């Protein structure tokens, strides 16, 4: 047995190890991209088809094997069509990777603090008064196609302006606000809804839209529930609920004053708050 393993590992070089690690990493990332999406169920169906083709050949079921082989051949083309949203998401993810990412436009620290202060005060007021709000922060991925669905404002951010836009009865209150380069660039924008069917049915269109835009881009979204006043944050297709205003402030300051990235620490904090408050609500 010892000689068997020695023969195996004697032919393995450093390049082979690197090759295996890269392939494993790519597979891991692909599985992460399709997790909890339509593609997960479709992938299970494809794997079942491949296994059935192998077994039919093994047991000499020639007719079934011939049909399945034809299905697998056509399936290779069908996968490109069916998985188009997931493939697009994967390519966008690669484009947003740190290897090719360009730095965000630098912003003066005082300006960043001023913008954060206005947004935090507005979100705090929305939460207390139970005013529904959907605020999207454009980052690396351009949201020009989303902006075209709304009305260009291109104004300085202020608590009063945000309050007027999301005031119930205002013409643009049902849509999303897009923040670009520290300005309130557009309002009344229509966002794509999330494709994740595992999201709680208690969440309405506003939350689903807030998550959906982060699945198609690297945008950061804050959502305030009209029914409960709960503050939520969406990033990379994940929703963190039950945020307090301090967490909102720290997240925005981190985005504007550092690298524009939401650190892993903030994501962990948001998820922790989500779990703790979710348990308290259940009790």
C-alpha atoms as a PDB file:
ATOM      1  CA  UNK A   1       0.000   0.000   0.000  1.00  0.00           C
ATOM      2  CA  UNK A   2       2.838   2.373   0.869  1.00  0.00           C
ATOM      3  CA  UNK A   3       4.492   1.740  -2.488  1.00  0.00           C
ATOM      4  CA  UNK A   4       1.153   2.376  -4.221  1.00  0.00           C
ATOM      5  CA  UNK A   5       0.845   5.864  -2.721  1.00  0.00           C
ATOM      6  CA  UNK A   6       4.530   6.570  -3.358  1.00  0.00           C
ATOM      7  CA  UNK A   7       4.016   5.780  -7.058  1.00  0.00           C
ATOM      8  CA  UNK A   8       1.023   8.124  -7.184  1.00  0.00           C
ATOM      9  CA  UNK A   9       2.627  11.094  -5.453  1.00  0.00           C
ATOM     10  CA  UNK A  10       6.035  10.672  -7.076  1.00  0.00           C
ATOM     11  CA  UNK A  11       4.609  11.872 -10.401  1.00  0.00           C
ATOM     12  CA  UNK A  12       2.816  14.860  -8.900  1.00  0.00           C
ATOM     13  CA  UNK A  13       4.654  18.161  -9.249  1.00  0.00           C
ATOM     14  CA  UNK A  14       4.003  21.665  -8.008  1.00  0.00           C
ATOM     15  CA  UNK A  15       2.316  22.630 -11.288  1.00  0.00           C
ATOM     16  CA  UNK A  16      -0.092  19.695 -10.924  1.00  0.00           C
ATOM     17  CA  UNK A  17      -1.041  20.867  -7.427  1.00  0.00           C
ATOM     18  CA  UNK A  18      -1.580  24.418  -8.667  1.00  0.00           C
ATOM     19  CA  UNK A  19      -3.655  23.077 -11.564  1.00  0.00           C
ATOM     20  CA  UNK A  20      -5.888  21.065  -9.203  1.00  0.00           C
ATOM     21  CA  UNK A  21      -6.310  23.979  -6.784  1.00  0.00           C
ATOM     22  CA  UNK A  22      -7.334  26.355  -9.591  1.00  0.00           C
ATOM     23  CA  UNK A  23      -9.905  23.906 -10.947  1.00  0.00           C
ATOM     24  CA  UNK A  24     -11.249  23.285  -7.432  1.00  0.00           C
ATOM     25  CA  UNK A  25     -11.506  27.034  -6.814  1.00  0.00           C
ATOM     26  CA  UNK A  26     -13.362  27.630 -10.094  1.00  0.00           C
ATOM     27  CA  UNK A  27     -15.817  24.807  -9.359  1.00  0.00           C
ATOM     28  CA  UNK A  28     -16.357  26.156  -5.836  1.00  0.00           C
ATOM     29  CA  UNK A  29     -17.120  29.644  -7.170  1.00  0.00           C
ATOM     30  CA  UNK A  30     -19.470  28.273  -9.838  1.00  0.00           C
ATOM     31  CA  UNK A  31     -21.383  26.292  -7.225  1.00  0.00           C
ATOM     32  CA  UNK A  32     -21.596  29.417  -5.103  1.00  0.00           C
ATOM     33  CA  UNK A  33     -23.038  31.412  -8.018  1.00  0.00           C
ATOM     34  CA  UNK A  34     -25.801  28.902  -8.772  1.00  0.00           C
ATOM     35  CA  UNK A  35     -26.634  28.140  -5.144  1.00  0.00           C
ATOM     36  CA  UNK A  36     -30.277  28.881  -4.258  1.00  0.00           C
ATOM     37  CA  UNK A  37     -31.161  29.873  -7.827  1.00  0.00           C
ATOM     38  CA  UNK A  38     -33.062  28.216 -10.683  1.00  0.00           C
ATOM     39  CA  UNK A  39     -29.736  26.953 -11.978  1.00  0.00           C
ATOM     40  CA  UNK A  40     -29.273  24.751  -8.916  1.00  0.00           C
ATOM     41  CA  UNK A  41     -32.311  22.634  -9.801  1.00  0.00           C
ATOM     42  CA  UNK A  42     -31.425  22.621 -13.491  1.00  0.00           C
ATOM     43  CA  UNK A  43     -27.904  21.458 -12.709  1.00  0.00           C
ATOM     44  CA  UNK A  44     -29.309  18.539 -10.717  1.00  0.00           C
ATOM     45  CA  UNK A  45     -31.398  17.583 -13.747  1.00  0.00           C
ATOM     46  CA  UNK A  46     -28.348  17.736 -16.037  1.00  0.00           C
ATOM     47  CA  UNK A  47     -26.305  15.536 -13.675  1.00  0.00           C
ATOM     48  CA  UNK A  48     -29.171  13.035 -13.504  1.00  0.00           C
ATOM     49  CA  UNK A  49     -29.263  12.922 -17.316  1.00  0.00           C
ATOM     50  CA  UNK A  50     -25.501  12.263 -17.496  1.00  0.00           C
ATOM     51  CA  UNK A  51     -25.739   9.473 -14.904  1.00  0.00           C
ATOM     52  CA  UNK A  52     -28.661   7.898 -16.777  1.00  0.00           C
ATOM     53  CA  UNK A  53     -26.642   7.988 -20.019  1.00  0.00           C
ATOM     54  CA  UNK A  54     -23.704   6.250 -18.334  1.00  0.00           C
ATOM     55  CA  UNK A  55     -25.907   3.549 -16.758  1.00  0.00           C
ATOM     56  CA  UNK A  56     -27.796   2.856 -19.986  1.00  0.00           C
ATOM     57  CA  UNK A  57     -24.467   2.251 -21.746  1.00  0.00           C
ATOM     58  CA  UNK A  58     -23.216   0.102 -18.881  1.00  0.00           C
ATOM     59  CA  UNK A  59     -26.294  -2.182 -19.043  1.00  0.00           C
ATOM     60  CA  UNK A  60     -26.391  -2.232 -22.878  1.00  0.00           C
ATOM     61  CA  UNK A  61     -29.713  -0.414 -23.171  1.00  0.00           C
ATOM     62  CA  UNK A  62     -28.861   0.724 -26.673  1.00  0.00           C
ATOM     63  CA  UNK A  63     -32.065   2.546 -27.611  1.00  0.00           C
ATOM     64  CA  UNK A  64     -32.254   4.510 -24.363  1.00  0.00           C
ATOM     65  CA  UNK A  65     -28.535   5.223 -24.538  1.00  0.00           C
ATOM     66  CA  UNK A  66     -28.865   6.569 -28.103  1.00  0.00           C
ATOM     67  CA  UNK A  67     -31.743   8.868 -27.083  1.00  0.00           C
ATOM     68  CA  UNK A  68     -29.917  10.106 -23.988  1.00  0.00           C
ATOM     69  CA  UNK A  69     -26.710  10.791 -25.928  1.00  0.00           C
ATOM     70  CA  UNK A  70     -28.695  12.930 -28.355  1.00  0.00           C
ATOM     71  CA  UNK A  71     -30.314  14.734 -25.432  1.00  0.00           C
ATOM     72  CA  UNK A  72     -26.926  15.401 -23.843  1.00  0.00           C
ATOM     73  CA  UNK A  73     -25.592  16.808 -27.127  1.00  0.00           C
ATOM     74  CA  UNK A  74     -28.544  19.162 -27.481  1.00  0.00           C
ATOM     75  CA  UNK A  75     -28.342  19.909 -23.775  1.00  0.00           C
ATOM     76  CA  UNK A  76     -24.897  21.465 -24.193  1.00  0.00           C
ATOM     77  CA  UNK A  77     -26.483  24.157 -26.377  1.00  0.00           C
ATOM     78  CA  UNK A  78     -29.607  24.403 -24.210  1.00  0.00           C
ATOM     79  CA  UNK A  79     -27.492  25.050 -21.112  1.00  0.00           C
ATOM     80  CA  UNK A  80     -26.107  28.241 -22.685  1.00  0.00           C
ATOM     81  CA  UNK A  81     -29.652  29.463 -23.255  1.00  0.00           C
ATOM     82  CA  UNK A  82     -31.161  28.344 -19.940  1.00  0.00           C
ATOM     83  CA  UNK A  83     -28.207  29.459 -17.822  1.00  0.00           C
ATOM     84  CA  UNK A  84     -27.860  32.815 -19.592  1.00  0.00           C
ATOM     85  CA  UNK A  85     -28.661  34.887 -16.464  1.00  0.00           C
ATOM     86  CA  UNK A  86     -26.235  32.868 -14.351  1.00  0.00           C
ATOM     87  CA  UNK A  87     -23.493  33.053 -16.992  1.00  0.00           C
ATOM     88  CA  UNK A  88     -23.960  36.808 -17.203  1.00  0.00           C
ATOM     89  CA  UNK A  89     -23.765  37.043 -13.429  1.00  0.00           C
ATOM     90  CA  UNK A  90     -20.563  34.989 -13.421  1.00  0.00           C
ATOM     91  CA  UNK A  91     -18.919  37.215 -16.051  1.00  0.00           C
ATOM     92  CA  UNK A  92     -19.978  40.333 -14.158  1.00  0.00           C
ATOM     93  CA  UNK A  93     -18.531  38.822 -10.977  1.00  0.00           C
ATOM     94  CA  UNK A  94     -15.232  38.251 -12.771  1.00  0.00           C
ATOM     95  CA  UNK A  95     -15.290  41.812 -14.068  1.00  0.00           C
ATOM     96  CA  UNK A  96     -15.744  43.115 -10.521  1.00  0.00           C
ATOM     97  CA  UNK A  97     -12.868  41.062  -9.142  1.00  0.00           C
ATOM     98  CA  UNK A  98     -10.011  42.898  -7.455  1.00  0.00           C
ATOM     99  CA  UNK A  99      -7.630  41.863 -10.238  1.00  0.00           C
ATOM    100  CA  UNK A 100      -9.306  44.068 -12.844  1.00  0.00           C
ATOM    101  CA  UNK A 101     -11.164  46.507 -10.633  1.00  0.00           C
ATOM    102  CA  UNK A 102     -10.438  50.175 -11.054  1.00  0.00           C
ATOM    103  CA  UNK A 103     -10.455  52.331  -7.948  1.00  0.00           C
ATOM    104  CA  UNK A 104     -13.573  54.335  -7.147  1.00  0.00           C
ATOM    105  CA  UNK A 105     -13.392  58.063  -7.696  1.00  0.00           C
ATOM    106  CA  UNK A 106     -11.718  59.638  -4.689  1.00  0.00           C
ATOM    107  CA  UNK A 107     -13.948  61.725  -2.444  1.00  0.00           C
ATOM    108  CA  UNK A 108     -13.030  64.346   0.092  1.00  0.00           C
ATOM    109  CA  UNK A 109     -13.481  62.976   3.621  1.00  0.00           C
ATOM    110  CA  UNK A 110     -15.576  65.919   4.771  1.00  0.00           C
ATOM    111  CA  UNK A 111     -17.796  65.541   1.715  1.00  0.00           C
ATOM    112  CA  UNK A 112     -18.162  61.814   2.426  1.00  0.00           C
ATOM    113  CA  UNK A 113     -19.138  62.504   6.034  1.00  0.00           C
ATOM    114  CA  UNK A 114     -21.638  65.159   4.932  1.00  0.00           C
ATOM    115  CA  UNK A 115     -23.310  62.818   2.431  1.00  0.00           C
ATOM    116  CA  UNK A 116     -23.416  60.031   5.008  1.00  0.00           C
ATOM    117  CA  UNK A 117     -24.979  62.338   7.585  1.00  0.00           C
ATOM    118  CA  UNK A 118     -27.803  63.394   5.229  1.00  0.00           C
ATOM    119  CA  UNK A 119     -28.572  59.832   4.153  1.00  0.00           C
ATOM    120  CA  UNK A 120     -28.449  58.443   7.695  1.00  0.00           C
ATOM    121  CA  UNK A 121     -30.806  61.144   8.990  1.00  0.00           C
ATOM    122  CA  UNK A 122     -33.211  60.471   6.122  1.00  0.00           C
ATOM    123  CA  UNK A 123     -33.183  56.701   6.656  1.00  0.00           C
ATOM    124  CA  UNK A 124     -33.657  57.171  10.410  1.00  0.00           C
ATOM    125  CA  UNK A 125     -36.669  59.404   9.781  1.00  0.00           C
ATOM    126  CA  UNK A 126     -38.122  56.962   7.255  1.00  0.00           C
ATOM    127  CA  UNK A 127     -37.754  54.123   9.755  1.00  0.00           C
ATOM    128  CA  UNK A 128     -39.423  56.040  12.607  1.00  0.00           C
ATOM    129  CA  UNK A 129     -42.273  57.354  10.435  1.00  0.00           C
ATOM    130  CA  UNK A 130     -42.605  54.076   8.501  1.00  0.00           C
ATOM    131  CA  UNK A 131     -42.020  55.630   5.114  1.00  0.00           C
ATOM    132  CA  UNK A 132     -41.050  53.143   2.415  1.00  0.00           C
ATOM    133  CA  UNK A 133     -37.702  53.915   0.782  1.00  0.00           C
ATOM    134  CA  UNK A 134     -35.320  52.269  -1.677  1.00  0.00           C
ATOM    135  CA  UNK A 135     -31.871  53.848  -2.039  1.00  0.00           C
ATOM    136  CA  UNK A 136     -29.296  52.363  -4.426  1.00  0.00           C
ATOM    137  CA  UNK A 137     -25.604  53.288  -4.403  1.00  0.00           C
ATOM    138  CA  UNK A 138     -23.853  52.849  -7.750  1.00  0.00           C
ATOM    139  CA  UNK A 139     -20.332  51.490  -7.383  1.00  0.00           C
ATOM    140  CA  UNK A 140     -18.167  49.844 -10.096  1.00  0.00           C
ATOM    141  CA  UNK A 141     -20.987  48.591 -12.328  1.00  0.00           C
ATOM    142  CA  UNK A 142     -22.750  51.335 -14.265  1.00  0.00           C
ATOM    143  CA  UNK A 143     -26.487  51.638 -13.637  1.00  0.00           C
ATOM    144  CA  UNK A 144     -27.184  53.815 -16.674  1.00  0.00           C
ATOM    145  CA  UNK A 145     -29.804  51.383 -18.008  1.00  0.00           C
ATOM    146  CA  UNK A 146     -31.631  51.574 -14.667  1.00  0.00           C
ATOM    147  CA  UNK A 147     -31.356  55.365 -14.564  1.00  0.00           C
ATOM    148  CA  UNK A 148     -33.096  55.540 -17.955  1.00  0.00           C
ATOM    149  CA  UNK A 149     -36.237  54.030 -16.372  1.00  0.00           C
ATOM    150  CA  UNK A 150     -36.547  56.952 -13.938  1.00  0.00           C
ATOM    151  CA  UNK A 151     -36.131  60.711 -13.819  1.00  0.00           C
ATOM    152  CA  UNK A 152     -32.692  62.339 -13.743  1.00  0.00           C
ATOM    153  CA  UNK A 153     -32.396  64.730 -10.795  1.00  0.00           C
ATOM    154  CA  UNK A 154     -28.601  65.220 -10.494  1.00  0.00           C
ATOM    155  CA  UNK A 155     -28.813  67.179  -7.252  1.00  0.00           C
ATOM    156  CA  UNK A 156     -26.888  67.410  -4.010  1.00  0.00           C
ATOM    157  CA  UNK A 157     -28.027  64.913  -1.416  1.00  0.00           C
ATOM    158  CA  UNK A 158     -30.050  66.257   1.471  1.00  0.00           C
ATOM    159  CA  UNK A 159     -32.414  64.836   4.052  1.00  0.00           C
ATOM    160  CA  UNK A 160     -35.170  67.160   2.846  1.00  0.00           C
ATOM    161  CA  UNK A 161     -34.816  66.144  -0.815  1.00  0.00           C
ATOM    162  CA  UNK A 162     -34.947  62.440   0.026  1.00  0.00           C
ATOM    163  CA  UNK A 163     -37.961  63.107   2.248  1.00  0.00           C
ATOM    164  CA  UNK A 164     -39.795  64.890  -0.564  1.00  0.00           C
ATOM    165  CA  UNK A 165     -39.055  62.104  -3.063  1.00  0.00           C
ATOM    166  CA  UNK A 166     -40.261  59.264  -0.818  1.00  0.00           C
ATOM    167  CA  UNK A 167     -43.193  61.195   0.643  1.00  0.00           C
ATOM    168  CA  UNK A 168     -46.330  59.116   0.052  1.00  0.00           C
ATOM    169  CA  UNK A 169     -48.203  60.644  -2.854  1.00  0.00           C
ATOM    170  CA  UNK A 170     -45.119  62.172  -4.468  1.00  0.00           C
ATOM    171  CA  UNK A 171     -44.787  61.244  -8.170  1.00  0.00           C
ATOM    172  CA  UNK A 172     -41.490  59.375  -7.702  1.00  0.00           C
ATOM    173  CA  UNK A 173     -42.024  57.772  -4.288  1.00  0.00           C
ATOM    174  CA  UNK A 174     -42.662  54.234  -5.593  1.00  0.00           C
ATOM    175  CA  UNK A 175     -39.364  53.927  -7.461  1.00  0.00           C
ATOM    176  CA  UNK A 176     -35.729  53.719  -6.392  1.00  0.00           C
ATOM    177  CA  UNK A 177     -33.272  56.548  -5.890  1.00  0.00           C
ATOM    178  CA  UNK A 178     -29.847  56.113  -7.529  1.00  0.00           C
ATOM    179  CA  UNK A 179     -26.844  57.675  -5.786  1.00  0.00           C
ATOM    180  CA  UNK A 180     -23.935  58.233  -8.207  1.00  0.00           C
ATOM    181  CA  UNK A 181     -20.613  59.895  -7.292  1.00  0.00           C
ATOM    182  CA  UNK A 182     -22.057  61.373  -4.129  1.00  0.00           C
ATOM    183  CA  UNK A 183     -25.057  62.938  -5.896  1.00  0.00           C
ATOM    184  CA  UNK A 184     -28.720  62.041  -5.976  1.00  0.00           C
ATOM    185  CA  UNK A 185     -28.615  61.319  -9.681  1.00  0.00           C
ATOM    186  CA  UNK A 186     -32.019  59.795 -10.448  1.00  0.00           C
ATOM    187  CA  UNK A 187     -35.337  58.947  -8.785  1.00  0.00           C
ATOM    188  CA  UNK A 188     -38.402  56.856  -9.596  1.00  0.00           C
ATOM    189  CA  UNK A 189     -36.215  54.139 -11.150  1.00  0.00           C
ATOM    190  CA  UNK A 190     -37.502  50.638 -11.843  1.00  0.00           C
ATOM    191  CA  UNK A 191     -35.249  47.822 -10.599  1.00  0.00           C
ATOM    192  CA  UNK A 192     -35.159  44.168 -11.686  1.00  0.00           C
ATOM    193  CA  UNK A 193     -36.732  41.768  -9.187  1.00  0.00           C
ATOM    194  CA  UNK A 194     -34.657  39.037  -7.615  1.00  0.00           C
ATOM    195  CA  UNK A 195     -34.763  35.533  -9.139  1.00  0.00           C
ATOM    196  CA  UNK A 196     -34.240  33.935  -5.730  1.00  0.00           C
ATOM    197  CA  UNK A 197     -37.390  31.988  -4.880  1.00  0.00           C
ATOM    198  CA  UNK A 198     -36.233  31.162  -1.347  1.00  0.00           C
ATOM    199  CA  UNK A 199     -36.794  34.696  -0.055  1.00  0.00           C
ATOM    200  CA  UNK A 200     -39.496  35.039   2.589  1.00  0.00           C
ATOM    201  CA  UNK A 201     -42.940  35.692   1.132  1.00  0.00           C
ATOM    202  CA  UNK A 202     -43.398  38.374   3.777  1.00  0.00           C
ATOM    203  CA  UNK A 203     -41.032  40.600   1.793  1.00  0.00           C
ATOM    204  CA  UNK A 204     -42.707  42.723  -0.853  1.00  0.00           C
ATOM    205  CA  UNK A 205     -41.710  44.156  -4.207  1.00  0.00           C
ATOM    206  CA  UNK A 206     -39.503  46.870  -2.686  1.00  0.00           C
ATOM    207  CA  UNK A 207     -37.257  44.317  -0.965  1.00  0.00           C
ATOM    208  CA  UNK A 208     -37.208  41.992  -3.976  1.00  0.00           C
ATOM    209  CA  UNK A 209     -36.178  44.884  -6.215  1.00  0.00           C
ATOM    210  CA  UNK A 210     -33.515  45.954  -3.740  1.00  0.00           C
ATOM    211  CA  UNK A 211     -32.014  42.460  -3.808  1.00  0.00           C
ATOM    212  CA  UNK A 212     -32.452  42.084  -7.569  1.00  0.00           C
ATOM    213  CA  UNK A 213     -30.270  45.053  -8.495  1.00  0.00           C
ATOM    214  CA  UNK A 214     -27.427  43.641  -6.353  1.00  0.00           C
ATOM    215  CA  UNK A 215     -27.640  40.331  -8.227  1.00  0.00           C
ATOM    216  CA  UNK A 216     -27.035  42.149 -11.519  1.00  0.00           C
ATOM    217  CA  UNK A 217     -24.404  44.591 -10.268  1.00  0.00           C
ATOM    218  CA  UNK A 218     -22.133  45.423  -7.342  1.00  0.00           C
ATOM    219  CA  UNK A 219     -24.542  48.091  -6.105  1.00  0.00           C
ATOM    220  CA  UNK A 220     -25.341  48.561  -2.433  1.00  0.00           C
ATOM    221  CA  UNK A 221     -28.987  49.025  -1.482  1.00  0.00           C
ATOM    222  CA  UNK A 222     -30.776  50.228   1.626  1.00  0.00           C
ATOM    223  CA  UNK A 223     -34.471  49.421   2.004  1.00  0.00           C
ATOM    224  CA  UNK A 224     -36.908  50.796   4.575  1.00  0.00           C
ATOM    225  CA  UNK A 225     -40.128  48.854   5.043  1.00  0.00           C
ATOM    226  CA  UNK A 226     -43.307  50.898   4.777  1.00  0.00           C
ATOM    227  CA  UNK A 227     -45.218  48.447   6.985  1.00  0.00           C
ATOM    228  CA  UNK A 228     -42.719  47.914   9.805  1.00  0.00           C
ATOM    229  CA  UNK A 229     -40.029  50.594   9.448  1.00  0.00           C
ATOM    230  CA  UNK A 230     -37.356  47.861   9.469  1.00  0.00           C
ATOM    231  CA  UNK A 231     -34.095  48.879   7.775  1.00  0.00           C
ATOM    232  CA  UNK A 232     -32.496  46.310   5.449  1.00  0.00           C
ATOM    233  CA  UNK A 233     -29.327  46.235   3.359  1.00  0.00           C
ATOM    234  CA  UNK A 234     -28.763  44.254   0.165  1.00  0.00           C
ATOM    235  CA  UNK A 235     -25.354  43.476  -1.311  1.00  0.00           C
ATOM    236  CA  UNK A 236     -24.192  40.740  -3.713  1.00  0.00           C
ATOM    237  CA  UNK A 237     -27.675  39.229  -3.772  1.00  0.00           C
ATOM    238  CA  UNK A 238     -27.834  38.849   0.018  1.00  0.00           C
ATOM    239  CA  UNK A 239     -30.283  40.660   2.292  1.00  0.00           C
ATOM    240  CA  UNK A 240     -29.459  41.699   5.867  1.00  0.00           C
ATOM    241  CA  UNK A 241     -32.451  42.885   7.878  1.00  0.00           C
ATOM    242  CA  UNK A 242     -33.064  44.581  11.233  1.00  0.00           C
ATOM    243  CA  UNK A 243     -30.158  47.019  10.878  1.00  0.00           C
ATOM    244  CA  UNK A 244     -29.796  49.846  13.363  1.00  0.00           C
ATOM    245  CA  UNK A 245     -28.894  53.332  12.249  1.00  0.00           C
ATOM    246  CA  UNK A 246     -25.322  53.024  13.574  1.00  0.00           C
ATOM    247  CA  UNK A 247     -24.685  50.071  11.272  1.00  0.00           C
ATOM    248  CA  UNK A 248     -26.021  52.077   8.323  1.00  0.00           C
ATOM    249  CA  UNK A 249     -23.703  54.961   9.204  1.00  0.00           C
ATOM    250  CA  UNK A 250     -20.616  52.746   9.582  1.00  0.00           C
ATOM    251  CA  UNK A 251     -21.344  51.007   6.295  1.00  0.00           C
ATOM    252  CA  UNK A 252     -21.649  54.281   4.371  1.00  0.00           C
ATOM    253  CA  UNK A 253     -18.572  55.797   5.995  1.00  0.00           C
ATOM    254  CA  UNK A 254     -16.614  52.677   5.110  1.00  0.00           C
ATOM    255  CA  UNK A 255     -17.782  52.918   1.508  1.00  0.00           C
ATOM    256  CA  UNK A 256     -17.043  56.613   1.060  1.00  0.00           C
ATOM    257  CA  UNK A 257     -13.919  57.061   3.167  1.00  0.00           C
ATOM    258  CA  UNK A 258     -12.005  53.844   2.496  1.00  0.00           C
ATOM    259  CA  UNK A 259     -12.011  51.861  -0.755  1.00  0.00           C
ATOM    260  CA  UNK A 260     -15.703  51.841  -1.570  1.00  0.00           C
ATOM    261  CA  UNK A 261     -15.841  48.193  -0.503  1.00  0.00           C
ATOM    262  CA  UNK A 262     -18.184  46.813   2.144  1.00  0.00           C
ATOM    263  CA  UNK A 263     -15.874  44.879   4.407  1.00  0.00           C
ATOM    264  CA  UNK A 264     -16.528  41.339   5.464  1.00  0.00           C
ATOM    265  CA  UNK A 265     -16.767  42.561   9.048  1.00  0.00           C
ATOM    266  CA  UNK A 266     -19.778  44.720   8.254  1.00  0.00           C
ATOM    267  CA  UNK A 267     -21.493  41.845   6.484  1.00  0.00           C
ATOM    268  CA  UNK A 268     -20.932  39.626   9.510  1.00  0.00           C
ATOM    269  CA  UNK A 269     -22.293  42.319  11.838  1.00  0.00           C
ATOM    270  CA  UNK A 270     -25.387  42.735   9.678  1.00  0.00           C
ATOM    271  CA  UNK A 271     -26.041  38.998   9.568  1.00  0.00           C
ATOM    272  CA  UNK A 272     -25.505  38.742  13.336  1.00  0.00           C
ATOM    273  CA  UNK A 273     -28.018  41.525  13.981  1.00  0.00           C
ATOM    274  CA  UNK A 274     -30.409  39.841  11.562  1.00  0.00           C
ATOM    275  CA  UNK A 275     -30.243  36.517  13.426  1.00  0.00           C
ATOM    276  CA  UNK A 276     -30.485  37.986  16.929  1.00  0.00           C
ATOM    277  CA  UNK A 277     -33.415  40.277  16.187  1.00  0.00           C
ATOM    278  CA  UNK A 278     -35.127  37.599  14.134  1.00  0.00           C
ATOM    279  CA  UNK A 279     -35.033  35.289  17.145  1.00  0.00           C
ATOM    280  CA  UNK A 280     -36.346  38.036  19.417  1.00  0.00           C
ATOM    281  CA  UNK A 281     -39.253  38.683  17.051  1.00  0.00           C
ATOM    282  CA  UNK A 282     -40.064  34.975  16.972  1.00  0.00           C
ATOM    283  CA  UNK A 283     -40.183  34.928  20.771  1.00  0.00           C
END
